[in-house]
Amino acid sequence: MTTTPHCGAGPVAEPISQPVARGGEDYRSVFTDGLWSNNVVFAQMLALCPLMAVTTTATNGLGMGLATTGVLLASNVAIAGCRDWISQEVRIPVFVLLIASLVSLADMAINAWLHELYKVLGLFIPLIVVNCSVLGRAEVFASKRAVLVSAVDGLAMGLGYTLALILIGGCREILGSATLFSHASLLLGDGFAFLEATLIPNYKGFLLMLLPPGGFLVLGFLLAGKRAMERRWEQRIAARSKAETAVQQPSAA
């Protein structure tokens, strides 16, 4: 174990990382990375178990996404704030302990104030502890960066995950029952009643979309759509760069 001198005591464990200098963080890039470029679902393909289980409606996806976002934000802030006191050798157990404590608080809070949502999400709230994206951001980002940028990263990753849950849940709900954010006022509170919509009255439903195979189908189509959009953007950037180069060459001649 690497040690450093310490006045009046024996050697102490070296912290995980040295403080990051202020003023050099690109918060816009960090936020874009979490929402789109490095999205938990559409880029990293993580947390697919709760994704398939709870996204039968957009309401369930929104509730699960907000719970995960809260845990991601709080865990990133807590780990970034404590990183100078956590040694390299025990960092993973400490990270898991912090995340488990935060998930327990989230579980009790949802049970107390959003009990109907708690009954729907059930076991998947405590399972946020083993969500690879939460521990992954703690290890890869929060343990090496300052508190503020770690908070931005946790918020962006959480919102990106919430967006994926809402998109998949919304598509499955529309195709499966022709509703959107059904029972939002019951599960999330009266303030979310404006989200509820019935798109096709007396619609008999498409059961496949409400079953796990429907979730995989929707995920596959959304992944294909995201990749097509990225390829289109890359082609536009390449064409613009080529045009600018062509304009500059005659000027140089």
C-alpha atoms as a PDB file:
ATOM      1  CA  MET A   1       0.000   0.000   0.000  1.00  0.00           C
ATOM      2  CA  THR A   2       1.379   3.428  -0.920  1.00  0.00           C
ATOM      3  CA  THR A   3       1.835   5.700   2.073  1.00  0.00           C
ATOM      4  CA  THR A   4       2.632   9.332   2.693  1.00  0.00           C
ATOM      5  CA  PRO A   5       4.233  11.037   5.703  1.00  0.00           C
ATOM      6  CA  HIS A   6       1.889  12.180   8.444  1.00  0.00           C
ATOM      7  CA  CYS A   7       2.890  14.417  11.361  1.00  0.00           C
ATOM      8  CA  GLY A   8       2.395  12.887  14.789  1.00  0.00           C
ATOM      9  CA  ALA A   9       1.043   9.527  13.537  1.00  0.00           C
ATOM     10  CA  GLY A  10       1.900   6.509  11.434  1.00  0.00           C
ATOM     11  CA  PRO A  11       1.518   6.243   7.646  1.00  0.00           C
ATOM     12  CA  VAL A  12      -1.916   6.848   6.178  1.00  0.00           C
ATOM     13  CA  ALA A  13      -3.520   5.487   3.001  1.00  0.00           C
ATOM     14  CA  GLU A  14      -3.220   7.615  -0.081  1.00  0.00           C
ATOM     15  CA  PRO A  15      -6.597   9.021  -1.296  1.00  0.00           C
ATOM     16  CA  ILE A  16      -8.218   7.821  -4.483  1.00  0.00           C
ATOM     17  CA  SER A  17      -7.232  10.876  -6.483  1.00  0.00           C
ATOM     18  CA  GLN A  18      -5.842  14.354  -6.167  1.00  0.00           C
ATOM     19  CA  PRO A  19      -8.217  17.366  -6.283  1.00  0.00           C
ATOM     20  CA  VAL A  20      -9.099  18.582  -9.749  1.00  0.00           C
ATOM     21  CA  ALA A  21      -8.224  22.187 -10.565  1.00  0.00           C
ATOM     22  CA  ARG A  22     -11.218  24.501 -10.795  1.00  0.00           C
ATOM     23  CA  GLY A  23     -12.244  26.280 -13.951  1.00  0.00           C
ATOM     24  CA  GLY A  24     -11.317  23.513 -16.396  1.00  0.00           C
ATOM     25  CA  GLU A  25     -14.592  21.561 -16.478  1.00  0.00           C
ATOM     26  CA  ASP A  26     -16.762  21.430 -19.596  1.00  0.00           C
ATOM     27  CA  TYR A  27     -20.189  21.129 -17.983  1.00  0.00           C
ATOM     28  CA  ARG A  28     -22.014  21.257 -21.295  1.00  0.00           C
ATOM     29  CA  SER A  29     -20.042  18.291 -22.601  1.00  0.00           C
ATOM     30  CA  VAL A  30     -20.654  16.355 -19.374  1.00  0.00           C
ATOM     31  CA  PHE A  31     -24.391  17.006 -19.591  1.00  0.00           C
ATOM     32  CA  THR A  32     -24.612  16.092 -23.287  1.00  0.00           C
ATOM     33  CA  ASP A  33     -22.622  12.947 -22.621  1.00  0.00           C
ATOM     34  CA  GLY A  34     -25.095  11.759 -19.992  1.00  0.00           C
ATOM     35  CA  LEU A  35     -28.210  12.624 -21.959  1.00  0.00           C
ATOM     36  CA  TRP A  36     -27.158  11.364 -25.381  1.00  0.00           C
ATOM     37  CA  SER A  37     -23.608  10.308 -26.266  1.00  0.00           C
ATOM     38  CA  ASN A  38     -23.085   7.984 -23.286  1.00  0.00           C
ATOM     39  CA  ASN A  39     -26.727   7.317 -22.399  1.00  0.00           C
ATOM     40  CA  VAL A  40     -27.086   4.530 -19.831  1.00  0.00           C
ATOM     41  CA  VAL A  41     -29.506   2.554 -22.017  1.00  0.00           C
ATOM     42  CA  PHE A  42     -28.955   3.619 -25.620  1.00  0.00           C
ATOM     43  CA  ALA A  43     -25.139   3.727 -25.496  1.00  0.00           C
ATOM     44  CA  GLN A  44     -23.976   1.640 -22.513  1.00  0.00           C
ATOM     45  CA  MET A  45     -26.812  -0.926 -22.618  1.00  0.00           C
ATOM     46  CA  LEU A  46     -26.976  -1.068 -18.812  1.00  0.00           C
ATOM     47  CA  ALA A  47     -29.901  -1.462 -16.369  1.00  0.00           C
ATOM     48  CA  LEU A  48     -31.983  -3.420 -18.880  1.00  0.00           C
ATOM     49  CA  CYS A  49     -33.616  -5.659 -16.238  1.00  0.00           C
ATOM     50  CA  PRO A  50     -35.665  -2.873 -14.554  1.00  0.00           C
ATOM     51  CA  LEU A  51     -36.078  -1.264 -17.962  1.00  0.00           C
ATOM     52  CA  MET A  52     -37.996  -4.238 -19.357  1.00  0.00           C
ATOM     53  CA  ALA A  53     -39.861  -4.909 -16.135  1.00  0.00           C
ATOM     54  CA  VAL A  54     -41.295  -1.476 -15.304  1.00  0.00           C
ATOM     55  CA  THR A  55     -41.775   0.210 -18.694  1.00  0.00           C
ATOM     56  CA  THR A  56     -45.250  -1.121 -19.421  1.00  0.00           C
ATOM     57  CA  THR A  57     -46.374   2.503 -19.029  1.00  0.00           C
ATOM     58  CA  ALA A  58     -44.643   5.856 -19.294  1.00  0.00           C
ATOM     59  CA  THR A  59     -45.767   6.628 -15.714  1.00  0.00           C
ATOM     60  CA  ASN A  60     -43.846   3.666 -14.309  1.00  0.00           C
ATOM     61  CA  GLY A  61     -40.807   4.678 -16.348  1.00  0.00           C
ATOM     62  CA  LEU A  62     -40.973   8.249 -15.046  1.00  0.00           C
ATOM     63  CA  GLY A  63     -41.246   7.101 -11.423  1.00  0.00           C
ATOM     64  CA  MET A  64     -38.370   4.636 -11.708  1.00  0.00           C
ATOM     65  CA  GLY A  65     -36.254   7.144 -13.599  1.00  0.00           C
ATOM     66  CA  LEU A  66     -36.714   9.899 -11.010  1.00  0.00           C
ATOM     67  CA  ALA A  67     -35.833   7.500  -8.175  1.00  0.00           C
ATOM     68  CA  THR A  68     -32.659   6.407  -9.981  1.00  0.00           C
ATOM     69  CA  THR A  69     -31.767  10.023 -10.806  1.00  0.00           C
ATOM     70  CA  GLY A  70     -32.004  10.977  -7.149  1.00  0.00           C
ATOM     71  CA  VAL A  71     -29.721   8.113  -6.138  1.00  0.00           C
ATOM     72  CA  LEU A  72     -27.221   8.881  -8.927  1.00  0.00           C
ATOM     73  CA  LEU A  73     -27.065  12.563  -8.012  1.00  0.00           C
ATOM     74  CA  ALA A  74     -26.727  11.963  -4.268  1.00  0.00           C
ATOM     75  CA  SER A  75     -24.175   9.148  -4.628  1.00  0.00           C
ATOM     76  CA  ASN A  76     -21.986  11.149  -7.010  1.00  0.00           C
ATOM     77  CA  VAL A  77     -22.003  14.143  -4.662  1.00  0.00           C
ATOM     78  CA  ALA A  78     -21.305  12.002  -1.577  1.00  0.00           C
ATOM     79  CA  ILE A  79     -18.460  10.056  -3.196  1.00  0.00           C
ATOM     80  CA  ALA A  80     -16.874  13.124  -4.791  1.00  0.00           C
ATOM     81  CA  GLY A  81     -17.006  14.905  -1.438  1.00  0.00           C
ATOM     82  CA  CYS A  82     -15.430  11.985   0.441  1.00  0.00           C
ATOM     83  CA  ARG A  83     -12.877  10.839  -2.137  1.00  0.00           C
ATOM     84  CA  ASP A  84      -9.922  12.353  -0.279  1.00  0.00           C
ATOM     85  CA  TRP A  85     -10.706  10.167   2.760  1.00  0.00           C
ATOM     86  CA  ILE A  86     -11.353   6.904   0.878  1.00  0.00           C
ATOM     87  CA  SER A  87      -8.298   4.760   0.216  1.00  0.00           C
ATOM     88  CA  GLN A  88      -7.871   2.885  -3.028  1.00  0.00           C
ATOM     89  CA  GLU A  89      -8.037  -0.525  -1.339  1.00  0.00           C
ATOM     90  CA  VAL A  90     -11.493  -0.131   0.234  1.00  0.00           C
ATOM     91  CA  ARG A  91     -13.186   2.136  -2.296  1.00  0.00           C
ATOM     92  CA  ILE A  92     -15.627  -0.445  -3.742  1.00  0.00           C
ATOM     93  CA  PRO A  93     -17.094  -1.561  -0.357  1.00  0.00           C
ATOM     94  CA  VAL A  94     -17.408   2.094   0.664  1.00  0.00           C
ATOM     95  CA  PHE A  95     -19.128   2.984  -2.623  1.00  0.00           C
ATOM     96  CA  VAL A  96     -21.581   0.087  -2.244  1.00  0.00           C
ATOM     97  CA  LEU A  97     -22.320   1.056   1.377  1.00  0.00           C
ATOM     98  CA  LEU A  98     -23.018   4.674   0.434  1.00  0.00           C
ATOM     99  CA  ILE A  99     -25.215   3.686  -2.521  1.00  0.00           C
ATOM    100  CA  ALA A 100     -27.119   1.108  -0.446  1.00  0.00           C
ATOM    101  CA  SER A 101     -27.803   3.714   2.252  1.00  0.00           C
ATOM    102  CA  LEU A 102     -29.120   6.205  -0.307  1.00  0.00           C
ATOM    103  CA  VAL A 103     -31.298   3.563  -1.978  1.00  0.00           C
ATOM    104  CA  SER A 104     -32.763   2.611   1.409  1.00  0.00           C
ATOM    105  CA  LEU A 105     -33.671   6.259   2.009  1.00  0.00           C
ATOM    106  CA  ALA A 106     -35.248   6.488  -1.466  1.00  0.00           C
ATOM    107  CA  ASP A 107     -37.167   3.252  -0.863  1.00  0.00           C
ATOM    108  CA  MET A 108     -38.593   4.490   2.431  1.00  0.00           C
ATOM    109  CA  ALA A 109     -39.436   7.920   0.988  1.00  0.00           C
ATOM    110  CA  ILE A 110     -41.346   6.448  -1.966  1.00  0.00           C
ATOM    111  CA  ASN A 111     -43.149   4.030   0.356  1.00  0.00           C
ATOM    112  CA  ALA A 112     -44.161   6.911   2.624  1.00  0.00           C
ATOM    113  CA  TRP A 113     -45.202   9.563   0.088  1.00  0.00           C
ATOM    114  CA  LEU A 114     -45.898   7.641  -3.159  1.00  0.00           C
ATOM    115  CA  HIS A 115     -47.206   4.358  -1.833  1.00  0.00           C
ATOM    116  CA  GLU A 116     -49.192   3.460  -4.965  1.00  0.00           C
ATOM    117  CA  LEU A 117     -46.064   3.867  -7.084  1.00  0.00           C
ATOM    118  CA  TYR A 118     -44.134   1.869  -4.499  1.00  0.00           C
ATOM    119  CA  LYS A 119     -46.565  -1.032  -4.899  1.00  0.00           C
ATOM    120  CA  VAL A 120     -46.108  -0.970  -8.685  1.00  0.00           C
ATOM    121  CA  LEU A 121     -42.309  -0.730  -8.753  1.00  0.00           C
ATOM    122  CA  GLY A 122     -41.903  -3.063  -5.796  1.00  0.00           C
ATOM    123  CA  LEU A 123     -38.594  -4.935  -5.697  1.00  0.00           C
ATOM    124  CA  PHE A 124     -37.003  -2.840  -8.435  1.00  0.00           C
ATOM    125  CA  ILE A 125     -36.462   0.148  -6.125  1.00  0.00           C
ATOM    126  CA  PRO A 126     -34.085  -1.737  -3.757  1.00  0.00           C
ATOM    127  CA  LEU A 127     -32.410  -3.255  -6.826  1.00  0.00           C
ATOM    128  CA  ILE A 128     -31.092   0.206  -7.745  1.00  0.00           C
ATOM    129  CA  VAL A 129     -28.215  -0.808  -5.430  1.00  0.00           C
ATOM    130  CA  VAL A 130     -26.970  -3.276  -8.061  1.00  0.00           C
ATOM    131  CA  ASN A 131     -27.644  -0.963 -11.004  1.00  0.00           C
ATOM    132  CA  CYS A 132     -24.319  -0.979 -12.851  1.00  0.00           C
ATOM    133  CA  SER A 133     -24.717   2.622 -13.956  1.00  0.00           C
ATOM    134  CA  VAL A 134     -24.777   3.941 -10.356  1.00  0.00           C
ATOM    135  CA  LEU A 135     -21.656   2.099  -9.193  1.00  0.00           C
ATOM    136  CA  GLY A 136     -20.030   2.673 -12.574  1.00  0.00           C
ATOM    137  CA  ARG A 137     -20.347   6.469 -12.365  1.00  0.00           C
ATOM    138  CA  ALA A 138     -19.046   6.384  -8.798  1.00  0.00           C
ATOM    139  CA  GLU A 139     -15.931   4.478  -9.872  1.00  0.00           C
ATOM    140  CA  VAL A 140     -15.293   6.086 -13.251  1.00  0.00           C
ATOM    141  CA  PHE A 141     -16.301   9.694 -12.603  1.00  0.00           C
ATOM    142  CA  ALA A 142     -17.208  10.802  -9.072  1.00  0.00           C
ATOM    143  CA  SER A 143     -14.166   9.258  -7.388  1.00  0.00           C
ATOM    144  CA  LYS A 144     -11.860  11.263  -9.661  1.00  0.00           C
ATOM    145  CA  ARG A 145     -13.605  14.619 -10.083  1.00  0.00           C
ATOM    146  CA  ALA A 146     -14.814  17.577  -8.045  1.00  0.00           C
ATOM    147  CA  VAL A 147     -18.219  17.723  -6.347  1.00  0.00           C
ATOM    148  CA  LEU A 148     -19.966  20.159  -8.709  1.00  0.00           C
ATOM    149  CA  VAL A 149     -19.051  18.421 -11.959  1.00  0.00           C
ATOM    150  CA  SER A 150     -19.869  15.052 -10.349  1.00  0.00           C
ATOM    151  CA  ALA A 151     -23.319  16.403  -9.464  1.00  0.00           C
ATOM    152  CA  VAL A 152     -23.817  17.508 -13.082  1.00  0.00           C
ATOM    153  CA  ASP A 153     -22.734  14.067 -14.299  1.00  0.00           C
ATOM    154  CA  GLY A 154     -25.093  12.266 -11.900  1.00  0.00           C
ATOM    155  CA  LEU A 155     -27.998  14.504 -12.895  1.00  0.00           C
ATOM    156  CA  ALA A 156     -27.297  14.093 -16.618  1.00  0.00           C
ATOM    157  CA  MET A 157     -26.928  10.312 -16.407  1.00  0.00           C
ATOM    158  CA  GLY A 158     -30.111  10.074 -14.366  1.00  0.00           C
ATOM    159  CA  LEU A 159     -32.099  12.263 -16.740  1.00  0.00           C
ATOM    160  CA  GLY A 160     -30.753  10.298 -19.707  1.00  0.00           C
ATOM    161  CA  TYR A 161     -31.899   7.077 -18.059  1.00  0.00           C
ATOM    162  CA  THR A 162     -35.278   8.629 -17.229  1.00  0.00           C
ATOM    163  CA  LEU A 163     -35.668   9.750 -20.841  1.00  0.00           C
ATOM    164  CA  ALA A 164     -34.979   6.205 -22.051  1.00  0.00           C
ATOM    165  CA  LEU A 165     -37.521   4.756 -19.602  1.00  0.00           C
ATOM    166  CA  ILE A 166     -40.192   7.279 -20.638  1.00  0.00           C
ATOM    167  CA  LEU A 167     -39.587   6.752 -24.368  1.00  0.00           C
ATOM    168  CA  ILE A 168     -39.749   2.963 -24.135  1.00  0.00           C
ATOM    169  CA  GLY A 169     -42.651   3.005 -21.671  1.00  0.00           C
ATOM    170  CA  GLY A 170     -44.534   5.561 -23.756  1.00  0.00           C
ATOM    171  CA  CYS A 171     -44.120   3.591 -26.987  1.00  0.00           C
ATOM    172  CA  ARG A 172     -45.212   0.350 -25.333  1.00  0.00           C
ATOM    173  CA  GLU A 173     -48.179   2.026 -23.637  1.00  0.00           C
ATOM    174  CA  ILE A 174     -49.369   3.758 -26.818  1.00  0.00           C
ATOM    175  CA  LEU A 175     -49.133   0.596 -28.913  1.00  0.00           C
ATOM    176  CA  GLY A 176     -50.396  -1.689 -26.153  1.00  0.00           C
ATOM    177  CA  SER A 177     -53.350   0.288 -24.786  1.00  0.00           C
ATOM    178  CA  ALA A 178     -53.521   3.614 -26.712  1.00  0.00           C
ATOM    179  CA  THR A 179     -53.008   5.648 -23.531  1.00  0.00           C
ATOM    180  CA  LEU A 180     -50.149   7.812 -22.303  1.00  0.00           C
ATOM    181  CA  PHE A 181     -49.094   8.324 -18.671  1.00  0.00           C
ATOM    182  CA  SER A 182     -52.131   6.411 -17.463  1.00  0.00           C
ATOM    183  CA  HIS A 183     -52.800   6.642 -13.693  1.00  0.00           C
ATOM    184  CA  ALA A 184     -50.125   9.357 -13.345  1.00  0.00           C
ATOM    185  CA  SER A 185     -52.232  11.230 -10.780  1.00  0.00           C
ATOM    186  CA  LEU A 186     -52.710   8.051  -8.733  1.00  0.00           C
ATOM    187  CA  LEU A 187     -49.092   6.904  -8.793  1.00  0.00           C
ATOM    188  CA  LEU A 188     -47.193  10.205  -8.760  1.00  0.00           C
ATOM    189  CA  GLY A 189     -49.691  12.640  -7.213  1.00  0.00           C
ATOM    190  CA  ASP A 190     -52.426  15.019  -8.356  1.00  0.00           C
ATOM    191  CA  GLY A 191     -49.866  17.411  -9.853  1.00  0.00           C
ATOM    192  CA  PHE A 192     -49.182  14.908 -12.663  1.00  0.00           C
ATOM    193  CA  ALA A 193     -52.810  14.560 -13.763  1.00  0.00           C
ATOM    194  CA  PHE A 194     -52.209  16.825 -16.789  1.00  0.00           C
ATOM    195  CA  LEU A 195     -49.982  14.127 -18.332  1.00  0.00           C
ATOM    196  CA  GLU A 196     -52.781  11.558 -18.629  1.00  0.00           C
ATOM    197  CA  ALA A 197     -54.184  11.036 -22.118  1.00  0.00           C
ATOM    198  CA  THR A 198     -56.367   8.500 -23.908  1.00  0.00           C
ATOM    199  CA  LEU A 199     -55.401   8.507 -27.585  1.00  0.00           C
ATOM    200  CA  ILE A 200     -57.896   6.004 -29.045  1.00  0.00           C
ATOM    201  CA  PRO A 201     -61.176   5.372 -27.163  1.00  0.00           C
ATOM    202  CA  ASN A 202     -62.345   1.734 -26.994  1.00  0.00           C
ATOM    203  CA  TYR A 203     -58.980   0.470 -28.236  1.00  0.00           C
ATOM    204  CA  LYS A 204     -58.713  -3.265 -27.571  1.00  0.00           C
ATOM    205  CA  GLY A 205     -54.953  -3.234 -27.204  1.00  0.00           C
ATOM    206  CA  PHE A 206     -51.888  -4.979 -28.593  1.00  0.00           C
ATOM    207  CA  LEU A 207     -50.819  -7.376 -25.829  1.00  0.00           C
ATOM    208  CA  LEU A 208     -47.350  -8.118 -27.251  1.00  0.00           C
ATOM    209  CA  MET A 209     -46.196  -4.570 -26.544  1.00  0.00           C
ATOM    210  CA  LEU A 210     -47.009  -4.952 -22.844  1.00  0.00           C
ATOM    211  CA  LEU A 211     -44.981  -8.162 -22.551  1.00  0.00           C
ATOM    212  CA  PRO A 212     -41.157  -8.415 -22.355  1.00  0.00           C
ATOM    213  CA  PRO A 213     -40.767  -9.193 -26.099  1.00  0.00           C
ATOM    214  CA  GLY A 214     -42.475  -5.892 -26.850  1.00  0.00           C
ATOM    215  CA  GLY A 215     -39.936  -4.091 -24.692  1.00  0.00           C
ATOM    216  CA  PHE A 216     -37.055  -5.611 -26.634  1.00  0.00           C
ATOM    217  CA  LEU A 217     -38.699  -4.713 -29.943  1.00  0.00           C
ATOM    218  CA  VAL A 218     -39.208  -1.080 -28.921  1.00  0.00           C
ATOM    219  CA  LEU A 219     -35.654  -0.870 -27.567  1.00  0.00           C
ATOM    220  CA  GLY A 220     -34.267  -2.247 -30.839  1.00  0.00           C
ATOM    221  CA  PHE A 221     -36.175   0.264 -32.969  1.00  0.00           C
ATOM    222  CA  LEU A 222     -35.133   3.174 -30.731  1.00  0.00           C
ATOM    223  CA  LEU A 223     -31.487   2.081 -30.869  1.00  0.00           C
ATOM    224  CA  ALA A 224     -31.700   1.912 -34.664  1.00  0.00           C
ATOM    225  CA  GLY A 225     -33.291   5.369 -34.770  1.00  0.00           C
ATOM    226  CA  LYS A 226     -30.591   6.855 -32.537  1.00  0.00           C
ATOM    227  CA  ARG A 227     -27.837   5.347 -34.680  1.00  0.00           C
ATOM    228  CA  ALA A 228     -29.480   6.631 -37.877  1.00  0.00           C
ATOM    229  CA  MET A 229     -29.677  10.151 -36.416  1.00  0.00           C
ATOM    230  CA  GLU A 230     -26.025  10.053 -35.371  1.00  0.00           C
ATOM    231  CA  ARG A 231     -24.960   8.855 -38.825  1.00  0.00           C
ATOM    232  CA  ARG A 232     -26.995  11.642 -40.435  1.00  0.00           C
ATOM    233  CA  TRP A 233     -25.308  14.228 -38.210  1.00  0.00           C
ATOM    234  CA  GLU A 234     -21.865  12.793 -39.009  1.00  0.00           C
ATOM    235  CA  GLN A 235     -22.595  13.020 -42.740  1.00  0.00           C
ATOM    236  CA  ARG A 236     -23.758  16.637 -42.410  1.00  0.00           C
ATOM    237  CA  ILE A 237     -20.659  17.589 -40.416  1.00  0.00           C
ATOM    238  CA  ALA A 238     -18.403  15.864 -42.956  1.00  0.00           C
ATOM    239  CA  ALA A 239     -20.166  17.599 -45.883  1.00  0.00           C
ATOM    240  CA  ARG A 240     -19.930  20.993 -44.167  1.00  0.00           C
ATOM    241  CA  SER A 241     -16.238  20.469 -43.442  1.00  0.00           C
ATOM    242  CA  LYS A 242     -15.603  19.429 -47.043  1.00  0.00           C
ATOM    243  CA  ALA A 243     -17.426  22.520 -48.355  1.00  0.00           C
ATOM    244  CA  GLU A 244     -15.449  24.841 -46.057  1.00  0.00           C
ATOM    245  CA  THR A 245     -12.196  23.229 -47.212  1.00  0.00           C
ATOM    246  CA  ALA A 246     -13.182  23.679 -50.861  1.00  0.00           C
ATOM    247  CA  VAL A 247     -13.921  27.372 -50.269  1.00  0.00           C
ATOM    248  CA  GLN A 248     -10.625  27.966 -48.476  1.00  0.00           C
ATOM    249  CA  GLN A 249      -8.445  26.283 -51.139  1.00  0.00           C
ATOM    250  CA  PRO A 250      -9.177  28.781 -53.999  1.00  0.00           C
ATOM    251  CA  SER A 251      -8.645  31.657 -51.555  1.00  0.00           C
ATOM    252  CA  ALA A 252      -5.233  30.273 -50.599  1.00  0.00           C
ATOM    253  CA  ALA A 253      -4.313  29.849 -54.279  1.00  0.00           C
END
